[in-house]
Amino acid sequence: MTTRRPMIAGNWKMHKTCPEAEDTARALVGQLTGKEEAEVMIAPPATALVPVSRIIGDTPVQLGAQNLFWENQGAYTGEVSAPMLVSAGCRYVIIGHSERRQYFGETDEGVNKKIKAAVAAGLVPVICIGESETERDGGKTFSVLDKQMEKGLEGLSEDQFSQAVMAYEPVWAIGTGRSATPEQAQEVHAHVRQFLEKRFGAQTAGAARILYGGSVKPANTAELMALPDIDGALVGGASLKPDTFAEIIHYKR
């Protein structure tokens, strides 16, 4: 049986100036022992990547970005490339977050290009998928997720996908305070792993980490993490406060 190291990732979204991000990162590092069971990643806004990288450089905390563009360079005003993120100290990059899809027209095809650009640059993509409330209520959860994975992972080899992290984030549970029940979350995570097994084989699917994201908080982390196919959490608002985020990281205490 494959042992998957849990991962707790904090997506800071459009919060925190550079000084605020530095203070938050410094406070978070102070809450950690260095012997955490879970791998810890934080994704500050792009402006704060370099200063945060300097603070967490020699600590167990990994740096992630919230987005990237699929070209390495060029006349793409306002965009940030994979090599730029690597040079800023990033190890991870979140791709296809529901807010990118909802507000900025991100498509499955665009997600696919971004995943390939990330992998080519040595970044680990955290690939987000999820359904809306209307889609869930209409019984379309699995078909929506299958389409997102089919198109988003198209053309990726088993080797290219092998380091990737999946993140299931039910859109109806993001920032709403409403979370999927443990049973709902496990059912979807098991489905995602079955899809990955058909696509990449049992070994790769068994090793893939699948995170849950959607109003994760200290009160529900341990229950979610106890489920067989949930390997961590992609945390939004609760990651902005170091004390609260540290509680989630130390969910077994």
Protein backbone atom coordinates (compact mmCIF):
# COMPACT_ATOMS: atom_id res chain seq x y z
CA MET A 1 0.00 0.00 0.00
CA THR A 2 1.32 3.44 -0.95
CA THR A 3 1.93 5.84 1.92
CA ARG A 4 0.96 9.37 0.97
CA ARG A 5 2.29 12.24 3.06
CA PRO A 6 -0.58 14.56 3.94
CA MET A 7 -0.41 18.14 2.70
CA ILE A 8 -1.95 21.24 4.24
CA ALA A 9 -1.88 24.15 1.79
CA GLY A 10 -2.89 27.73 2.48
CA ASN A 11 -4.25 29.85 -0.37
CA TRP A 12 -4.08 33.47 0.73
CA LYS A 13 -5.94 34.68 -2.36
CA MET A 14 -5.96 38.50 -2.75
CA HIS A 15 -5.02 39.22 0.84
CA LYS A 16 -1.96 40.73 2.51
CA THR A 17 0.48 43.41 1.49
CA CYS A 18 4.17 42.48 1.49
CA PRO A 19 4.71 43.51 5.14
CA GLU A 20 1.54 41.71 6.22
CA ALA A 21 2.55 38.59 4.33
CA GLU A 22 6.01 38.64 5.90
CA ASP A 23 4.51 38.98 9.39
CA THR A 24 2.07 36.14 8.74
CA ALA A 25 4.75 33.82 7.37
CA ARG A 26 7.07 34.60 10.27
CA ALA A 27 4.30 33.92 12.80
CA LEU A 28 3.37 30.66 11.09
CA VAL A 29 6.96 29.42 11.12
CA GLY A 30 7.02 30.16 14.84
CA GLN A 31 4.05 27.82 15.34
CA LEU A 32 5.73 24.84 13.69
CA THR A 33 8.09 22.30 15.22
CA GLY A 34 9.67 21.04 12.01
CA LYS A 35 8.37 17.54 12.81
CA GLU A 36 4.89 17.97 11.38
CA GLU A 37 3.32 14.90 9.80
CA ALA A 38 1.85 17.01 7.01
CA GLU A 39 3.77 18.92 4.40
CA VAL A 40 2.92 22.62 4.68
CA MET A 41 2.55 25.00 1.72
CA ILE A 42 1.45 28.61 1.57
CA ALA A 43 0.48 30.54 -1.55
CA PRO A 44 0.73 34.30 -0.97
CA PRO A 45 -0.20 36.85 -3.65
CA ALA A 46 2.40 37.24 -6.40
CA THR A 47 3.73 40.52 -5.01
CA ALA A 48 4.70 38.81 -1.74
CA LEU A 49 6.32 35.64 -3.12
CA VAL A 50 9.92 36.86 -2.92
CA PRO A 51 9.78 38.39 0.58
CA VAL A 52 7.89 35.36 1.94
CA SER A 53 10.38 33.04 0.26
CA ARG A 54 13.21 34.67 2.20
CA ILE A 55 11.40 34.07 5.49
CA ILE A 56 10.47 30.43 4.92
CA GLY A 57 13.61 29.47 2.99
CA ASP A 58 15.22 27.33 5.70
CA THR A 59 11.98 26.08 7.25
CA PRO A 60 9.67 23.14 6.45
CA VAL A 61 7.16 25.51 4.81
CA GLN A 62 6.97 25.26 1.01
CA LEU A 63 6.11 28.21 -1.23
CA GLY A 64 3.37 28.10 -3.83
CA ALA A 65 1.88 30.56 -6.30
CA GLN A 66 -1.81 31.05 -6.99
CA ASN A 67 -1.64 31.06 -10.78
CA LEU A 68 0.68 31.21 -13.79
CA PHE A 69 0.60 31.76 -17.55
CA TRP A 70 1.49 29.00 -19.99
CA GLU A 71 4.13 30.88 -21.98
CA ASN A 72 7.65 31.32 -20.55
CA GLN A 73 7.94 34.92 -21.71
CA GLY A 74 6.45 37.39 -24.16
CA ALA A 75 4.04 40.27 -24.61
CA TYR A 76 1.49 39.13 -22.02
CA THR A 77 1.02 42.18 -19.84
CA GLY A 78 0.21 41.37 -16.24
CA GLU A 79 0.97 37.65 -16.47
CA VAL A 80 3.58 35.64 -14.55
CA SER A 81 5.40 32.66 -16.07
CA ALA A 82 6.52 29.36 -14.58
CA PRO A 83 10.25 30.26 -14.76
CA MET A 84 9.47 33.53 -12.94
CA LEU A 85 7.78 31.58 -10.15
CA VAL A 86 10.73 29.20 -9.89
CA SER A 87 13.10 32.17 -9.62
CA ALA A 88 10.91 33.61 -6.85
CA GLY A 89 11.36 30.43 -4.82
CA CYS A 90 8.16 28.56 -5.63
CA ARG A 91 7.90 24.80 -5.50
CA TYR A 92 4.14 24.59 -6.10
CA VAL A 93 1.53 26.44 -8.17
CA ILE A 94 -2.25 26.30 -7.84
CA ILE A 95 -3.93 25.82 -11.21
CA GLY A 96 -7.62 26.00 -12.14
CA HIS A 97 -8.97 27.35 -8.87
CA SER A 98 -12.73 27.85 -9.09
CA GLU A 99 -12.33 31.60 -8.62
CA ARG A 100 -10.04 31.72 -11.66
CA ARG A 101 -12.65 29.80 -13.62
CA GLN A 102 -15.57 31.88 -12.31
CA TYR A 103 -14.16 35.41 -12.50
CA PHE A 104 -11.46 35.21 -15.15
CA GLY A 105 -12.88 32.79 -17.69
CA GLU A 106 -10.35 30.03 -17.07
CA THR A 107 -11.12 26.99 -19.21
CA ASP A 108 -10.18 23.32 -18.96
CA GLU A 109 -8.03 23.81 -22.07
CA GLY A 110 -6.21 26.71 -20.41
CA VAL A 111 -5.74 24.64 -17.27
CA ASN A 112 -4.16 21.93 -19.41
CA LYS A 113 -1.66 24.38 -20.94
CA LYS A 114 -0.79 25.75 -17.50
CA ILE A 115 -0.23 22.28 -16.03
CA LYS A 116 2.16 21.41 -18.85
CA ALA A 117 4.03 24.72 -18.43
CA ALA A 118 4.34 24.13 -14.68
CA VAL A 119 5.64 20.58 -15.07
CA ALA A 120 8.13 21.64 -17.76
CA ALA A 121 9.58 24.24 -15.37
CA GLY A 122 9.84 21.79 -12.46
CA LEU A 123 6.89 23.17 -10.52
CA VAL A 124 4.38 20.88 -8.87
CA PRO A 125 0.84 21.76 -10.00
CA VAL A 126 -2.00 21.71 -7.50
CA ILE A 127 -4.85 21.01 -9.92
CA CYS A 128 -8.26 22.21 -8.75
CA ILE A 129 -11.57 20.69 -9.81
CA GLY A 130 -15.07 21.13 -8.44
CA GLU A 131 -18.75 21.49 -9.17
CA SER A 132 -21.23 24.29 -8.52
CA GLU A 133 -24.26 24.03 -6.26
CA THR A 134 -26.55 23.78 -9.30
CA GLU A 135 -24.44 20.99 -10.77
CA ARG A 136 -24.43 19.05 -7.50
CA ASP A 137 -28.15 19.48 -6.98
CA GLY A 138 -28.67 18.32 -10.57
CA GLY A 139 -26.74 15.11 -9.96
CA LYS A 140 -23.94 16.16 -12.31
CA THR A 141 -21.01 16.14 -9.87
CA PHE A 142 -19.15 13.20 -11.37
CA SER A 143 -19.75 14.15 -15.00
CA VAL A 144 -18.52 17.72 -14.34
CA LEU A 145 -15.39 16.48 -12.57
CA ASP A 146 -14.70 13.88 -15.27
CA LYS A 147 -14.86 16.56 -17.97
CA GLN A 148 -12.53 18.84 -15.99
CA MET A 149 -10.04 15.99 -15.54
CA GLU A 150 -10.31 14.63 -19.08
CA LYS A 151 -9.59 18.01 -20.66
CA GLY A 152 -7.31 19.33 -17.94
CA LEU A 153 -5.05 16.27 -17.95
CA GLU A 154 -5.15 15.65 -21.70
CA GLY A 155 -1.81 14.72 -23.21
CA LEU A 156 -0.06 14.35 -19.86
CA SER A 157 2.07 11.23 -19.47
CA GLU A 158 2.12 9.18 -16.30
CA ASP A 159 5.58 10.58 -15.59
CA GLN A 160 4.45 14.17 -16.08
CA PHE A 161 1.50 13.70 -13.74
CA SER A 162 3.39 11.71 -11.12
CA GLN A 163 4.28 14.71 -8.92
CA ALA A 164 0.98 16.56 -9.35
CA VAL A 165 -1.46 17.18 -6.52
CA MET A 166 -5.23 17.16 -7.08
CA ALA A 167 -7.58 19.36 -5.09
CA TYR A 168 -11.33 18.82 -4.95
CA GLU A 169 -13.06 22.05 -4.06
CA PRO A 170 -16.85 22.01 -4.21
CA VAL A 171 -17.62 25.53 -5.41
CA TRP A 172 -20.70 25.65 -3.22
CA ALA A 173 -18.52 25.21 -0.12
CA ILE A 174 -15.87 27.86 -0.80
CA GLY A 175 -16.11 30.88 1.47
CA THR A 176 -19.68 29.96 2.38
CA GLY A 177 -19.03 28.34 5.72
CA ARG A 178 -20.74 25.27 4.29
CA SER A 179 -18.55 22.20 3.97
CA ALA A 180 -19.17 18.90 2.27
CA THR A 181 -19.98 16.15 4.72
CA PRO A 182 -17.14 13.67 5.26
CA GLU A 183 -19.20 11.11 3.35
CA GLN A 184 -19.71 13.47 0.39
CA ALA A 185 -16.02 14.39 0.32
CA GLN A 186 -14.82 10.78 0.52
CA GLU A 187 -17.21 9.68 -2.23
CA VAL A 188 -15.82 12.32 -4.60
CA HIS A 189 -12.17 11.72 -3.65
CA ALA A 190 -12.60 8.00 -4.28
CA HIS A 191 -14.12 8.79 -7.67
CA VAL A 192 -11.20 11.08 -8.54
CA ARG A 193 -8.71 8.36 -7.61
CA GLN A 194 -10.60 5.82 -9.73
CA PHE A 195 -10.44 8.23 -12.67
CA LEU A 196 -6.69 8.66 -12.16
CA GLU A 197 -6.25 4.88 -12.02
CA LYS A 198 -7.97 4.45 -15.38
CA ARG A 199 -5.92 7.30 -16.84
CA PHE A 200 -2.48 6.70 -15.35
CA GLY A 201 -2.52 3.27 -13.71
CA ALA A 202 -2.92 1.95 -10.18
CA GLN A 203 0.54 2.89 -8.94
CA THR A 204 0.34 6.55 -9.94
CA ALA A 205 -3.25 6.87 -8.73
CA GLY A 206 -2.36 5.25 -5.43
CA ALA A 207 0.49 7.69 -4.89
CA ALA A 208 -1.45 10.81 -5.91
CA ARG A 209 -2.37 13.23 -3.17
CA ILE A 210 -5.94 14.52 -3.36
CA LEU A 211 -6.71 17.52 -1.16
CA TYR A 212 -10.10 18.74 -0.01
CA GLY A 213 -10.88 22.44 -0.17
CA GLY A 214 -14.09 24.09 0.92
CA SER A 215 -14.53 25.89 4.26
CA VAL A 216 -11.83 23.81 5.96
CA LYS A 217 -11.40 24.81 9.59
CA PRO A 218 -9.86 23.34 12.76
CA ALA A 219 -13.20 21.83 13.80
CA ASN A 220 -13.60 19.62 10.73
CA THR A 221 -10.02 18.86 9.66
CA ALA A 222 -9.39 15.70 11.69
CA GLU A 223 -12.67 14.10 10.58
CA LEU A 224 -11.93 14.81 6.91
CA MET A 225 -8.32 13.69 7.15
CA ALA A 226 -9.34 10.35 8.68
CA LEU A 227 -10.96 9.30 5.42
CA PRO A 228 -9.00 6.91 3.17
CA ASP A 229 -8.86 9.03 0.02
CA ILE A 230 -8.43 12.51 1.54
CA ASP A 231 -4.76 13.38 1.74
CA GLY A 232 -4.87 16.95 2.94
CA ALA A 233 -6.57 20.30 2.67
CA LEU A 234 -6.49 23.38 0.49
CA VAL A 235 -7.36 26.06 3.01
CA GLY A 236 -8.62 29.53 2.15
CA GLY A 237 -9.74 32.02 4.78
CA ALA A 238 -8.59 29.91 7.73
CA SER A 239 -5.00 30.05 6.44
CA LEU A 240 -4.80 33.83 6.85
CA LYS A 241 -4.44 33.61 10.63
CA PRO A 242 -1.27 31.77 11.70
CA ASP A 243 -2.82 30.40 14.91
CA THR A 244 -5.85 28.98 13.12
CA PHE A 245 -3.80 27.58 10.25
CA ALA A 246 -1.39 25.94 12.70
CA GLU A 247 -4.38 24.24 14.39
CA ILE A 248 -5.35 22.76 11.03
CA ILE A 249 -1.75 21.64 10.36
CA HIS A 250 -1.65 19.98 13.79
CA TYR A 251 -5.07 18.37 13.34
CA LYS A 252 -4.05 15.17 15.17
CA ARG A 253 -3.26 16.83 18.47
